Amino acid sequence: MSESVEDVAEEAAEQSVRVLDRLRDWWSHRYTFTGTAVGLVFLWLSLTPSLLPRGPLFQSLVSGGSGAIGYLIGVVAVWLVRFMRSKESSPPVPKQGWWVLLAIGVIGTVGMVVFFDTWQTDLRDLMGVAYLTFVDYLQIGVLSVVFLYAFVELGKGVRWIVRWLIARLNRVCPPRVSAVIAVALVVFLSIEIVNGVVVRGAMDAMNTAFSKASREGAADRPVPTSAFRSGGPGSLVDWSSLGKQGRVFVSNAQTVAHLTAFNGAPAVEPIRAYAGLESSDSGNPNRYKDIAEKAAAELERTGGLHRKVVAVAATTGTGWINEAEAGALEYMYNGDTAIVSMQYSFLPSWLSFLVDKQNALDAGQALFEAVDKRVKALPEGQRPKLVVFGESLGSFGGEAPFLSLNNLVARTDGALFSGPTFNNEMWVRLTQQRDAGSPEWLPVYQQGANVRFAARAEDLANPAQPWSHPRAVYLQHASDPIGRWSPDLLFSQPDWLKEKRGPDVLSSVSWIPIVTFLQVSADLAVAGSVPDGHGHTYVKAVVDAWAAILEPPGWTAEKTARLRPMLNSQTGFNEPDARPAG
């Protein structure tokens, strides 16, 4: 009986070896040894620490993409060596070599998964995010293999096309000339197809889809009954033309009752003026100037130029505005404010950032100029305070009217920019020219004379030197990939990874060529899904920032502490029962 069991076990082992042999033979015929080895190393590197906790999908994309790039590097390296040695092929790898690679691959992958789990746990503890489950890890494993296979096969498909072209061109050209022409032709055609067919078609389809989404839901919020709201009685723009986010912005203005209760004094009804993208014809060559003029005319119609503060709010792609930033102003001045904004795109912020950057700049420039022109027309002693604010792509557009910090200081009474992007020219310039000894993730510029950078409220007091008016504040988190991402990450280590890490960035995060770029790229997609105070979520320090910028009369530290937990970025208010109906 024991011999029978041993025979069965031996036969099973032999069968397993035969299966593995067939798998190895199949793999070795389709994929190169060096490419597989380098791809495996890059896959391991993709499991190293990054800025934000990632779920299965984005981690799988990073791992699959990293492994595919590693495979490509390995294949190109072997081809280059063969080319330099004028060899047509490489010597075959012994079967034992594949077995050794398999053993190393299994051991190394298990070790890296353990390391991945450790840093993910540390980061999730730091940010208060739920842990990954066993099912999540299974999904990461399966999806990583799927993406890796898909990317490698796509690359092999491109290689097949290049070889096919070379074979045809060899009939009329020398082999090396054929190779250059074939590669150049494939690259050129790929760019043309992607830009001309895929991108243009996709953008047309998305614009159509998102424009419908912007128009839909006009009845989701009632038409305002107040003349102090765009779309309400006497408004120069239709309620339906404001777009979804415009209607949300107008509807979310703080109520007189709640402002009165909070400040203990009779409040004034806040003004919110807005013009949507559909308030001007798409064929208008000066469309953004036209929309900006309509928004500014709304500001004038509502009497906004006679409020204590006029705030120009630059939006993200769809017209979204961080309600915490808008609502905080209304609380601080007990409603004696007017906030004006406009829509310049139908696309979500991340898409708009890719294709609508110029539109964001044009809209930001046009809106500020239209408002500034009206403010400057008033007698000097009767002018309201003029401030600008915006988050993310809104901060990008909000900077547009100003060539420099000096220009911003000269033309406004203050500015609040949250979550600046790596394309914010003024922010990048100020960061690069920061005072010696201050870190890139929290720079100090000219000893904080007119601008300060803050991740937390207490950072506004750094440095301790006097702070002149007008004041500008950039709210930015060390873990926010929107400001950390750059193509330079591919082959250059940034200062924020050379210097001491920010408080919400693990000390184990390190720069790895190509891989870090892929990791931070994936972090972009989850930047807004982490708790406030991390990533691209900005609410906590908004009240403190506005209080420091404007120092409103009668405003106290006690009011700041009381208001801070009441605000959120969507409705501007965290206590629905305390907000009167309608």
Protein backbone atom coordinates (compact mmCIF):
# COMPACT_ATOMS: atom_id res chain seq x y z
CA MET A 1 0.00 0.00 0.00
CA SER A 2 2.82 2.39 0.94
CA GLU A 3 4.59 1.61 -2.36
CA SER A 4 1.40 2.46 -4.25
CA VAL A 5 1.15 5.83 -2.52
CA GLU A 6 4.81 6.51 -3.25
CA ASP A 7 4.28 5.61 -6.89
CA VAL A 8 1.33 7.96 -7.15
CA ALA A 9 3.29 10.75 -5.51
CA GLU A 10 6.26 10.15 -7.79
CA GLU A 11 4.04 10.13 -10.86
CA ALA A 12 2.35 13.36 -9.76
CA ALA A 13 5.75 15.01 -9.25
CA GLU A 14 6.89 13.89 -12.69
CA GLN A 15 3.68 15.17 -14.23
CA SER A 16 4.21 18.55 -12.53
CA VAL A 17 7.76 18.71 -13.87
CA ARG A 18 6.52 17.93 -17.38
CA VAL A 19 3.91 20.68 -17.14
CA LEU A 20 6.52 23.15 -15.92
CA ASP A 21 8.86 22.06 -18.71
CA ARG A 22 6.17 22.67 -21.32
CA LEU A 23 5.39 26.05 -19.75
CA ARG A 24 9.08 26.95 -19.72
CA ASP A 25 9.50 25.85 -23.35
CA TRP A 26 6.44 27.88 -24.39
CA TRP A 27 7.69 30.94 -22.52
CA SER A 28 11.28 30.67 -23.78
CA HIS A 29 10.05 30.44 -27.39
CA ARG A 30 7.87 33.58 -27.05
CA TYR A 31 9.86 35.71 -24.62
CA THR A 32 13.55 36.42 -24.11
CA PHE A 33 15.47 35.46 -21.00
CA THR A 34 17.02 38.88 -20.46
CA GLY A 35 13.73 40.67 -21.10
CA THR A 36 11.98 38.41 -18.59
CA ALA A 37 14.71 38.92 -15.96
CA VAL A 38 14.76 42.72 -16.30
CA GLY A 39 10.94 42.84 -16.45
CA LEU A 40 10.80 40.85 -13.21
CA VAL A 41 13.12 43.34 -11.49
CA PHE A 42 10.97 46.27 -12.66
CA LEU A 43 7.84 44.49 -11.44
CA TRP A 44 9.44 44.14 -8.01
CA LEU A 45 10.41 47.83 -8.03
CA SER A 46 6.78 48.77 -8.74
CA LEU A 47 5.91 47.40 -5.30
CA THR A 48 8.14 49.91 -3.52
CA PRO A 49 6.62 52.81 -1.51
CA SER A 50 4.87 55.73 -3.17
CA LEU A 51 2.98 58.87 -2.08
CA LEU A 52 -0.53 57.46 -1.64
CA PRO A 53 -2.21 54.14 -0.85
CA ARG A 54 -3.44 52.49 -4.04
CA GLY A 55 -6.16 49.95 -4.73
CA PRO A 56 -5.90 46.85 -6.93
CA LEU A 57 -6.58 48.49 -10.29
CA PHE A 58 -3.98 51.25 -10.18
CA GLN A 59 -1.35 49.11 -8.48
CA SER A 60 -1.87 46.49 -11.20
CA LEU A 61 -1.44 49.12 -13.90
CA VAL A 62 1.80 50.30 -12.29
CA SER A 63 3.11 46.74 -11.88
CA GLY A 64 2.07 45.61 -15.36
CA GLY A 65 3.43 48.79 -16.96
CA SER A 66 6.70 48.60 -15.02
CA GLY A 67 7.20 44.94 -15.90
CA ALA A 68 6.52 45.65 -19.59
CA ILE A 69 8.97 48.56 -19.65
CA GLY A 70 11.57 46.37 -17.95
CA TYR A 71 10.99 43.66 -20.55
CA LEU A 72 11.43 46.25 -23.32
CA ILE A 73 14.69 47.49 -21.77
CA GLY A 74 16.00 43.93 -21.57
CA VAL A 75 15.09 43.18 -25.19
CA VAL A 76 16.60 46.45 -26.46
CA ALA A 77 19.78 45.84 -24.44
CA VAL A 78 20.27 42.39 -26.00
CA TRP A 79 19.55 43.76 -29.49
CA LEU A 80 22.06 46.59 -28.94
CA VAL A 81 24.78 44.16 -27.86
CA ARG A 82 24.07 41.96 -30.90
CA PHE A 83 24.10 45.00 -33.17
CA MET A 84 27.45 46.20 -31.81
CA ARG A 85 28.92 42.71 -32.21
CA SER A 86 27.33 42.26 -35.67
CA LYS A 87 25.64 39.06 -34.52
CA GLU A 88 22.30 37.85 -35.90
CA SER A 89 21.29 35.98 -32.74
CA SER A 90 22.25 35.38 -29.12
CA PRO A 91 23.39 32.02 -27.71
CA PRO A 92 20.52 30.02 -26.21
CA VAL A 93 20.05 30.12 -22.45
CA PRO A 94 20.54 26.73 -20.75
CA LYS A 95 17.42 25.12 -19.32
CA GLN A 96 18.93 25.42 -15.86
CA GLY A 97 19.07 29.19 -16.32
CA TRP A 98 15.30 29.37 -16.68
CA TRP A 99 14.84 27.20 -13.58
CA VAL A 100 17.14 29.47 -11.58
CA LEU A 101 15.23 32.52 -12.81
CA LEU A 102 11.94 30.89 -11.80
CA ALA A 103 13.22 30.14 -8.31
CA ILE A 104 14.59 33.65 -7.87
CA GLY A 105 11.36 35.07 -9.26
CA VAL A 106 9.17 33.20 -6.78
CA ILE A 107 11.33 34.04 -3.77
CA GLY A 108 11.82 37.65 -4.79
CA THR A 109 8.13 38.20 -5.54
CA VAL A 110 7.04 36.78 -2.19
CA GLY A 111 9.55 39.03 -0.42
CA MET A 112 8.43 42.13 -2.33
CA VAL A 113 4.75 41.40 -1.66
CA VAL A 114 5.53 41.26 2.06
CA PHE A 115 7.40 44.57 1.78
CA PHE A 116 4.49 46.05 -0.23
CA ASP A 117 2.03 45.00 2.49
CA THR A 118 4.24 46.57 5.18
CA TRP A 119 4.52 50.01 3.60
CA GLN A 120 0.88 50.01 2.48
CA THR A 121 -0.12 49.32 6.09
CA ASP A 122 2.16 52.08 7.41
CA LEU A 123 0.80 54.58 4.88
CA ARG A 124 -2.83 53.62 5.48
CA ASP A 125 -2.30 54.00 9.25
CA LEU A 126 -0.73 57.42 8.64
CA MET A 127 -3.67 58.63 6.53
CA GLY A 128 -6.48 56.74 8.22
CA VAL A 129 -7.39 54.61 5.19
CA ALA A 130 -8.79 51.06 5.29
CA TYR A 131 -6.35 48.17 4.78
CA LEU A 132 -6.18 46.05 1.64
CA THR A 133 -7.95 42.70 1.93
CA PHE A 134 -6.85 39.24 0.82
CA VAL A 135 -9.17 39.57 -2.19
CA ASP A 136 -7.46 42.86 -3.08
CA TYR A 137 -4.11 41.09 -3.19
CA LEU A 138 -5.52 38.35 -5.40
CA GLN A 139 -6.87 41.01 -7.76
CA ILE A 140 -3.50 42.75 -7.85
CA GLY A 141 -1.78 39.49 -8.76
CA VAL A 142 -4.21 38.55 -11.52
CA LEU A 143 -4.60 42.03 -13.00
CA SER A 144 -0.84 42.69 -12.95
CA VAL A 145 -0.27 39.57 -15.06
CA VAL A 146 -3.08 40.55 -17.43
CA PHE A 147 -1.76 44.10 -17.91
CA LEU A 148 1.83 42.88 -18.23
CA TYR A 149 0.85 40.37 -20.91
CA ALA A 150 -1.26 42.94 -22.77
CA PHE A 151 1.48 45.59 -22.77
CA VAL A 152 4.20 43.14 -23.86
CA GLU A 153 2.01 41.70 -26.63
CA LEU A 154 1.22 45.22 -27.82
CA GLY A 155 4.94 45.90 -28.00
CA LYS A 156 5.52 42.68 -29.90
CA GLY A 157 2.77 43.67 -32.32
CA VAL A 158 4.56 46.94 -33.02
CA ARG A 159 7.82 45.04 -33.50
CA TRP A 160 6.11 42.73 -36.01
CA ILE A 161 4.89 45.73 -38.01
CA VAL A 162 8.42 47.22 -38.01
CA ARG A 163 9.92 43.94 -39.21
CA TRP A 164 7.28 43.62 -41.93
CA LEU A 165 8.07 47.10 -43.17
CA ILE A 166 11.82 46.43 -43.08
CA ALA A 167 11.34 43.28 -45.19
CA ARG A 168 9.44 45.29 -47.81
CA LEU A 169 11.89 48.20 -47.78
CA ASN A 170 14.90 45.89 -48.08
CA ARG A 171 13.90 45.36 -51.70
CA VAL A 172 14.84 48.94 -52.53
CA CYS A 173 17.03 50.13 -49.63
CA PRO A 174 20.08 48.91 -47.70
CA PRO A 175 19.02 46.99 -44.52
CA ARG A 176 20.06 49.68 -42.04
CA VAL A 177 18.40 52.43 -44.02
CA SER A 178 15.26 50.28 -44.17
CA ALA A 179 15.32 49.89 -40.39
CA VAL A 180 15.56 53.65 -39.78
CA ILE A 181 12.78 54.40 -42.26
CA ALA A 182 10.51 51.67 -40.84
CA VAL A 183 10.91 52.82 -37.23
CA ALA A 184 10.39 56.47 -38.15
CA LEU A 185 7.31 55.60 -40.20
CA VAL A 186 5.73 53.55 -37.38
CA VAL A 187 6.38 56.30 -34.83
CA PHE A 188 4.96 58.98 -37.14
CA LEU A 189 1.86 56.95 -38.03
CA SER A 190 1.24 56.04 -34.38
CA ILE A 191 1.33 59.69 -33.32
CA GLU A 192 -0.91 60.74 -36.20
CA ILE A 193 -3.42 57.98 -35.54
CA VAL A 194 -3.56 58.65 -31.81
CA ASN A 195 -3.74 62.44 -32.15
CA GLY A 196 -5.84 62.61 -35.29
CA VAL A 197 -8.25 59.75 -34.90
CA VAL A 198 -8.28 58.39 -31.38
CA VAL A 199 -7.81 61.60 -29.40
CA ARG A 200 -9.95 63.81 -31.62
CA GLY A 201 -12.74 61.25 -31.80
CA ALA A 202 -12.54 60.55 -28.08
CA MET A 203 -12.54 64.26 -27.22
CA ASP A 204 -15.55 64.92 -29.43
CA ALA A 205 -17.42 62.03 -27.85
CA MET A 206 -16.48 63.08 -24.32
CA ASN A 207 -17.37 66.72 -24.92
CA THR A 208 -20.78 65.61 -26.17
CA ALA A 209 -21.31 63.26 -23.22
CA PHE A 210 -20.14 65.69 -20.55
CA SER A 211 -22.03 68.61 -22.07
CA LYS A 212 -25.20 66.54 -21.73
CA ALA A 213 -24.28 65.78 -18.12
CA SER A 214 -23.74 69.48 -17.52
CA ARG A 215 -27.16 70.37 -18.96
CA GLU A 216 -29.01 67.55 -17.24
CA GLY A 217 -30.28 68.05 -13.75
CA ALA A 218 -31.34 71.66 -14.20
CA ALA A 219 -34.25 70.68 -11.98
CA ASP A 220 -32.01 68.99 -9.40
CA ARG A 221 -31.90 72.32 -7.61
CA PRO A 222 -34.71 74.87 -7.63
CA VAL A 223 -34.32 78.14 -9.52
CA PRO A 224 -33.15 80.78 -7.02
CA THR A 225 -35.78 83.16 -5.73
CA SER A 226 -33.16 85.70 -4.69
CA ALA A 227 -31.97 88.48 -7.00
CA PHE A 228 -28.52 88.02 -5.43
CA ARG A 229 -28.03 84.74 -7.33
CA SER A 230 -27.29 84.22 -11.00
CA GLY A 231 -30.24 82.48 -12.64
CA GLY A 232 -32.67 84.13 -10.20
CA PRO A 233 -35.04 87.11 -10.66
CA GLY A 234 -33.57 89.74 -13.00
CA SER A 235 -30.57 87.58 -13.88
CA LEU A 236 -28.80 88.22 -17.17
CA VAL A 237 -28.15 84.47 -17.61
CA ASP A 238 -30.55 81.52 -17.65
CA TRP A 239 -30.50 79.04 -14.79
CA SER A 240 -30.10 76.11 -17.20
CA SER A 241 -27.07 77.72 -18.89
CA LEU A 242 -25.00 77.69 -15.68
CA GLY A 243 -24.12 74.02 -16.00
CA LYS A 244 -24.40 71.48 -13.20
CA GLN A 245 -21.48 72.78 -11.14
CA GLY A 246 -22.56 76.38 -11.67
CA ARG A 247 -26.00 75.61 -10.28
CA VAL A 248 -24.39 73.81 -7.33
CA PHE A 249 -22.14 76.79 -6.64
CA VAL A 250 -24.97 79.32 -6.78
CA SER A 251 -27.28 77.17 -4.62
CA ASN A 252 -24.68 76.56 -1.92
CA ALA A 253 -24.37 80.18 -0.79
CA GLN A 254 -24.64 80.40 2.99
CA THR A 255 -28.02 81.50 4.35
CA VAL A 256 -28.62 84.75 6.22
CA ALA A 257 -30.12 82.81 9.14
CA HIS A 258 -27.10 80.63 9.65
CA LEU A 259 -24.58 83.43 9.18
CA THR A 260 -26.46 85.52 11.72
CA ALA A 261 -26.53 82.65 14.20
CA PHE A 262 -22.82 81.96 13.76
CA ASN A 263 -21.60 85.56 14.07
CA GLY A 264 -24.22 86.77 16.56
CA ALA A 265 -25.05 89.79 14.40
CA PRO A 266 -27.51 90.46 11.54
CA ALA A 267 -26.03 89.09 8.32
CA VAL A 268 -26.21 90.29 4.72
CA GLU A 269 -27.31 87.90 1.99
CA PRO A 270 -24.17 86.75 0.12
CA ILE A 271 -23.89 87.32 -3.64
CA ARG A 272 -22.89 84.56 -6.02
CA ALA A 273 -22.51 85.47 -9.70
CA TYR A 274 -21.77 82.87 -12.36
CA ALA A 275 -21.84 82.39 -16.14
CA GLY A 276 -21.82 78.95 -17.76
CA LEU A 277 -20.13 77.77 -20.93
CA GLU A 278 -23.46 77.62 -22.74
CA SER A 279 -24.12 81.32 -22.18
CA SER A 280 -21.97 81.99 -25.27
CA ASP A 281 -21.93 80.36 -28.70
CA SER A 282 -19.22 77.74 -29.30
CA GLY A 283 -18.32 79.42 -32.60
CA ASN A 284 -17.53 82.73 -30.93
CA PRO A 285 -13.76 83.38 -31.35
CA ASN A 286 -13.85 85.45 -28.14
CA ARG A 287 -16.03 83.01 -26.26
CA TYR A 288 -14.23 83.15 -22.91
CA LYS A 289 -14.10 86.94 -22.89
CA ASP A 290 -17.83 86.96 -23.67
CA ILE A 291 -18.61 84.58 -20.79
CA ALA A 292 -16.34 86.54 -18.44
CA GLU A 293 -18.13 89.78 -19.33
CA LYS A 294 -21.49 88.16 -18.60
CA ALA A 295 -20.26 86.91 -15.21
CA ALA A 296 -18.87 90.36 -14.38
CA ALA A 297 -22.13 91.98 -15.53
CA GLU A 298 -23.97 89.63 -13.16
CA LEU A 299 -21.66 90.75 -10.39
CA GLU A 300 -22.49 94.37 -11.18
CA ARG A 301 -26.24 93.69 -11.49
CA THR A 302 -26.43 92.12 -8.03
CA GLY A 303 -24.61 95.03 -6.41
CA GLY A 304 -21.52 92.94 -5.74
CA LEU A 305 -19.17 95.85 -6.40
CA HIS A 306 -20.47 97.49 -3.24
CA ARG A 307 -19.73 94.55 -0.92
CA LYS A 308 -16.72 94.50 1.40
CA VAL A 309 -15.07 91.68 -0.54
CA VAL A 310 -15.27 90.66 -4.20
CA ALA A 311 -13.73 87.24 -4.80
CA VAL A 312 -12.82 85.97 -8.27
CA ALA A 313 -13.04 82.16 -8.12
CA ALA A 314 -11.21 80.18 -10.81
CA THR A 315 -12.77 76.77 -11.40
CA THR A 316 -11.67 73.29 -12.38
CA GLY A 317 -12.72 71.81 -15.72
CA THR A 318 -16.45 71.38 -15.17
CA GLY A 319 -16.81 74.61 -13.23
CA TRP A 320 -16.34 73.09 -9.75
CA ILE A 321 -15.34 75.32 -6.85
CA ASN A 322 -14.17 74.17 -3.42
CA GLU A 323 -17.15 75.21 -1.29
CA ALA A 324 -15.04 75.41 1.86
CA GLU A 325 -13.05 78.26 0.29
CA ALA A 326 -16.18 80.11 -0.84
CA GLY A 327 -18.21 79.50 2.31
CA ALA A 328 -15.40 80.54 4.67
CA LEU A 329 -15.32 84.01 3.10
CA GLU A 330 -19.08 84.40 3.60
CA TYR A 331 -18.79 83.46 7.28
CA MET A 332 -15.86 85.80 7.88
CA TYR A 333 -17.63 88.86 6.46
CA ASN A 334 -21.09 87.81 7.66
CA GLY A 335 -22.38 87.61 4.09
CA ASP A 336 -21.05 90.99 2.95
CA THR A 337 -19.28 89.31 0.04
CA ALA A 338 -19.69 88.73 -3.69
CA ILE A 339 -18.10 85.70 -5.34
CA VAL A 340 -17.95 85.57 -9.14
CA SER A 341 -16.92 82.70 -11.36
CA MET A 342 -17.38 81.10 -14.79
CA GLN A 343 -17.25 77.75 -16.58
CA TYR A 344 -14.81 77.11 -19.43
CA SER A 345 -15.12 73.35 -20.05
CA PHE A 346 -17.48 70.39 -19.86
CA LEU A 347 -14.66 67.95 -19.07
CA PRO A 348 -13.67 66.61 -15.63
CA SER A 349 -10.63 68.29 -14.10
CA TRP A 350 -8.09 65.58 -15.00
CA LEU A 351 -9.20 65.53 -18.64
CA SER A 352 -9.42 69.29 -18.78
CA PHE A 353 -5.90 69.47 -17.38
CA LEU A 354 -4.65 67.39 -20.33
CA VAL A 355 -6.49 69.17 -23.14
CA ASP A 356 -7.96 72.43 -21.78
CA LYS A 357 -4.95 74.04 -20.10
CA GLN A 358 -4.98 76.98 -22.47
CA ASN A 359 -8.71 77.40 -21.97
CA ALA A 360 -8.16 77.50 -18.20
CA LEU A 361 -5.57 80.25 -18.65
CA ASP A 362 -7.75 82.22 -21.07
CA ALA A 363 -10.78 81.97 -18.78
CA GLY A 364 -8.82 82.93 -15.66
CA GLN A 365 -7.31 85.93 -17.44
CA ALA A 366 -10.61 87.07 -18.97
CA LEU A 367 -12.63 86.81 -15.75
CA PHE A 368 -10.17 88.70 -13.58
CA GLU A 369 -9.72 91.46 -16.16
CA ALA A 370 -13.49 91.88 -16.54
CA VAL A 371 -13.97 92.18 -12.77
CA ASP A 372 -10.86 94.27 -12.15
CA LYS A 373 -11.97 96.75 -14.82
CA ARG A 374 -15.23 97.34 -12.96
CA VAL A 375 -13.58 97.60 -9.54
CA LYS A 376 -11.00 100.10 -10.81
CA ALA A 377 -13.80 102.23 -12.27
CA LEU A 378 -15.04 102.96 -8.74
CA PRO A 379 -13.66 105.86 -6.69
CA GLU A 380 -10.60 104.63 -4.82
CA GLY A 381 -12.14 104.98 -1.37
CA GLN A 382 -15.25 103.00 -2.39
CA ARG A 383 -13.56 99.95 -3.86
CA PRO A 384 -14.11 96.53 -2.25
CA LYS A 385 -11.26 94.23 -1.37
CA LEU A 386 -10.46 92.18 -4.47
CA VAL A 387 -9.20 88.63 -3.91
CA VAL A 388 -8.69 85.54 -6.08
CA PHE A 389 -8.85 81.86 -5.20
CA GLY A 390 -8.92 78.44 -6.81
CA GLU A 391 -8.04 74.82 -6.26
CA SER A 392 -6.02 72.51 -8.50
CA LEU A 393 -6.70 73.52 -12.11
CA GLY A 394 -8.51 76.49 -10.56
CA SER A 395 -5.22 77.62 -9.01
CA PHE A 396 -3.61 77.23 -12.44
CA GLY A 397 -6.23 79.50 -14.02
CA GLY A 398 -6.24 81.81 -11.02
CA GLU A 399 -2.55 82.60 -11.54
CA ALA A 400 -3.09 83.44 -15.23
CA PRO A 401 -3.65 87.21 -14.94
CA PHE A 402 -0.41 87.73 -13.02
CA LEU A 403 3.09 87.55 -14.43
CA SER A 404 4.71 87.43 -11.01
CA LEU A 405 4.10 87.63 -7.29
CA ASN A 406 4.77 91.37 -7.43
CA ASN A 407 2.02 91.74 -10.01
CA LEU A 408 -0.37 89.68 -7.88
CA VAL A 409 0.41 91.82 -4.84
CA ALA A 410 -0.05 95.03 -6.83
CA ARG A 411 -3.40 94.07 -8.36
CA THR A 412 -5.20 92.20 -5.55
CA ASP A 413 -5.83 92.31 -1.83
CA GLY A 414 -5.02 88.63 -1.38
CA ALA A 415 -5.00 85.20 -2.98
CA LEU A 416 -5.60 81.61 -1.87
CA PHE A 417 -4.44 78.80 -4.16
CA SER A 418 -4.94 75.19 -3.03
CA GLY A 419 -3.30 72.10 -4.50
CA PRO A 420 -1.25 73.87 -7.19
CA THR A 421 -0.36 71.78 -10.24
CA PHE A 422 3.13 71.17 -11.55
CA ASN A 423 2.20 73.49 -14.45
CA ASN A 424 1.47 76.52 -12.23
CA GLU A 425 4.19 78.82 -13.58
CA MET A 426 4.25 81.29 -10.72
CA TRP A 427 4.17 78.56 -8.06
CA VAL A 428 6.97 76.65 -9.79
CA ARG A 429 9.08 79.80 -10.05
CA LEU A 430 8.56 80.72 -6.39
CA THR A 431 9.42 77.16 -5.34
CA GLN A 432 12.58 77.06 -7.44
CA GLN A 433 13.70 80.44 -6.06
CA ARG A 434 12.91 79.50 -2.43
CA ASP A 435 15.12 80.57 0.43
CA ALA A 436 18.10 78.35 1.11
CA GLY A 437 17.39 75.62 3.64
CA SER A 438 13.64 75.47 3.03
CA PRO A 439 12.38 72.19 1.50
CA GLU A 440 10.67 71.92 -1.88
CA TRP A 441 7.51 70.47 -0.33
CA LEU A 442 7.18 73.51 2.00
CA PRO A 443 9.29 76.38 0.65
CA VAL A 444 9.89 79.81 2.14
CA TYR A 445 10.14 82.68 -0.35
CA GLN A 446 11.81 85.97 0.57
CA GLN A 447 11.31 85.20 4.25
CA GLY A 448 7.54 84.97 3.78
CA ALA A 449 7.14 88.68 3.14
CA ASN A 450 4.04 88.37 0.93
CA VAL A 451 3.51 84.67 0.19
CA ARG A 452 3.49 81.61 2.39
CA PHE A 453 3.16 77.90 1.75
CA ALA A 454 1.27 75.70 4.19
CA ALA A 455 0.35 72.05 4.59
CA ARG A 456 -1.20 72.69 8.03
CA ALA A 457 -2.51 75.79 9.76
CA GLU A 458 0.58 76.18 11.92
CA ASP A 459 2.77 76.48 8.80
CA LEU A 460 1.27 79.93 8.18
CA ALA A 461 3.39 81.26 11.04
CA ASN A 462 6.59 80.13 9.33
CA PRO A 463 8.81 82.09 9.20
CA ALA A 464 8.35 84.22 12.29
CA GLN A 465 9.19 87.47 10.45
CA PRO A 466 6.43 90.08 9.90
CA TRP A 467 4.05 89.34 7.05
CA SER A 468 3.13 92.27 4.81
CA HIS A 469 -0.18 92.93 3.04
CA PRO A 470 -1.43 91.95 0.49
CA ARG A 471 -0.87 88.27 1.26
CA ALA A 472 -0.98 85.10 -0.82
CA VAL A 473 -1.15 81.53 0.47
CA TYR A 474 -0.50 78.25 -1.30
CA LEU A 475 -2.02 75.25 0.48
CA GLN A 476 -0.10 72.14 -0.50
CA HIS A 477 0.46 68.70 0.97
CA ALA A 478 3.74 66.84 0.70
CA SER A 479 1.76 63.78 -0.43
CA ASP A 480 -0.16 65.61 -3.20
CA PRO A 481 0.93 64.06 -6.53
CA ILE A 482 -0.72 66.88 -8.52
CA GLY A 483 2.19 69.13 -7.65
CA ARG A 484 4.84 66.39 -7.48
CA TRP A 485 4.22 64.82 -10.89
CA SER A 486 6.50 65.83 -13.73
CA PRO A 487 8.02 64.15 -16.81
CA ASP A 488 11.39 64.89 -15.18
CA LEU A 489 10.61 62.09 -12.71
CA LEU A 490 11.47 59.61 -15.46
CA PHE A 491 15.21 60.18 -15.24
CA SER A 492 15.83 62.87 -12.60
CA GLN A 493 15.51 62.71 -8.82
CA PRO A 494 13.42 65.64 -7.53
CA ASP A 495 14.40 67.75 -4.54
CA TRP A 496 11.40 66.54 -2.53
CA LEU A 497 12.95 63.06 -2.57
CA LYS A 498 16.47 64.31 -1.87
CA GLU A 499 15.45 66.37 1.14
CA LYS A 500 13.79 65.36 4.39
CA ARG A 501 10.33 63.94 3.68
CA GLY A 502 7.13 65.81 4.43
CA PRO A 503 5.04 64.66 7.43
CA ASP A 504 2.71 62.48 5.34
CA VAL A 505 5.34 60.92 3.06
CA LEU A 506 7.01 57.72 4.23
CA SER A 507 10.76 57.92 4.82
CA SER A 508 11.07 54.71 2.79
CA VAL A 509 9.92 56.43 -0.41
CA SER A 510 12.85 56.64 -2.81
CA TRP A 511 13.40 57.65 -6.41
CA ILE A 512 13.69 54.89 -9.01
CA PRO A 513 14.13 55.85 -12.68
CA ILE A 514 10.94 55.30 -14.72
CA VAL A 515 9.20 53.43 -11.88
CA THR A 516 8.70 56.50 -9.67
CA PHE A 517 7.18 58.31 -12.66
CA LEU A 518 4.68 55.46 -13.13
CA GLN A 519 3.89 55.34 -9.40
CA VAL A 520 3.22 59.07 -9.09
CA SER A 521 1.20 58.91 -12.33
CA ALA A 522 -1.02 56.28 -10.73
CA ASP A 523 -1.21 58.38 -7.55
CA LEU A 524 -2.78 61.17 -9.62
CA ALA A 525 -5.88 59.04 -10.14
CA VAL A 526 -6.44 58.52 -6.40
CA ALA A 527 -5.21 61.93 -5.20
CA GLY A 528 -8.65 63.09 -4.12
CA SER A 529 -9.75 59.86 -2.47
CA VAL A 530 -7.69 60.20 0.73
CA PRO A 531 -8.81 61.99 3.92
CA ASP A 532 -8.53 65.75 4.33
CA GLY A 533 -5.01 66.91 5.08
CA HIS A 534 -3.41 64.46 2.65
CA GLY A 535 -3.14 64.06 -1.09
CA HIS A 536 -5.30 66.48 -3.05
CA THR A 537 -8.00 67.09 -0.42
CA TYR A 538 -8.02 70.64 0.98
CA VAL A 539 -10.46 71.78 3.67
CA LYS A 540 -8.74 71.73 7.08
CA ALA A 541 -6.54 74.78 6.70
CA VAL A 542 -8.83 76.87 4.47
CA VAL A 543 -10.32 78.97 7.29
CA ASP A 544 -6.91 79.61 8.83
CA ALA A 545 -5.53 80.62 5.43
CA TRP A 546 -8.29 83.15 4.68
CA ALA A 547 -8.04 84.54 8.22
CA ALA A 548 -4.30 85.04 7.77
CA ILE A 549 -4.67 86.57 4.28
CA LEU A 550 -7.46 89.06 5.06
CA GLU A 551 -7.52 89.43 8.88
CA PRO A 552 -11.26 90.29 8.79
CA PRO A 553 -12.37 92.91 11.34
CA GLY A 554 -13.77 91.24 14.45
CA TRP A 555 -12.69 87.77 13.40
CA THR A 556 -11.11 85.74 16.20
CA ALA A 557 -9.11 82.58 16.67
CA GLU A 558 -12.13 81.17 18.52
CA LYS A 559 -14.29 81.68 15.42
CA THR A 560 -11.66 80.02 13.25
CA ALA A 561 -11.62 76.98 15.52
CA ARG A 562 -15.42 76.84 15.54
CA LEU A 563 -15.80 77.20 11.78
CA ARG A 564 -13.01 74.85 10.73
CA PRO A 565 -14.85 71.52 11.35
CA MET A 566 -18.12 72.86 9.96
CA LEU A 567 -16.95 73.17 6.34
CA ASN A 568 -16.53 70.67 3.53
CA SER A 569 -15.51 70.97 -0.11
CA GLN A 570 -18.85 69.96 -1.64
CA THR A 571 -21.68 71.82 0.13
CA GLY A 572 -19.57 74.07 2.30
CA PHE A 573 -21.40 72.90 5.38
CA ASN A 574 -21.19 69.80 7.57
CA GLU A 575 -24.30 70.24 9.72
CA PRO A 576 -27.36 69.88 7.46
CA ASP A 577 -29.87 70.13 10.32
CA ALA A 578 -28.61 73.61 11.21
CA ARG A 579 -29.13 74.93 7.68
CA PRO A 580 -32.66 76.33 7.22
CA ALA A 581 -34.68 74.73 4.41
CA GLY A 582 -34.74 76.57 1.08
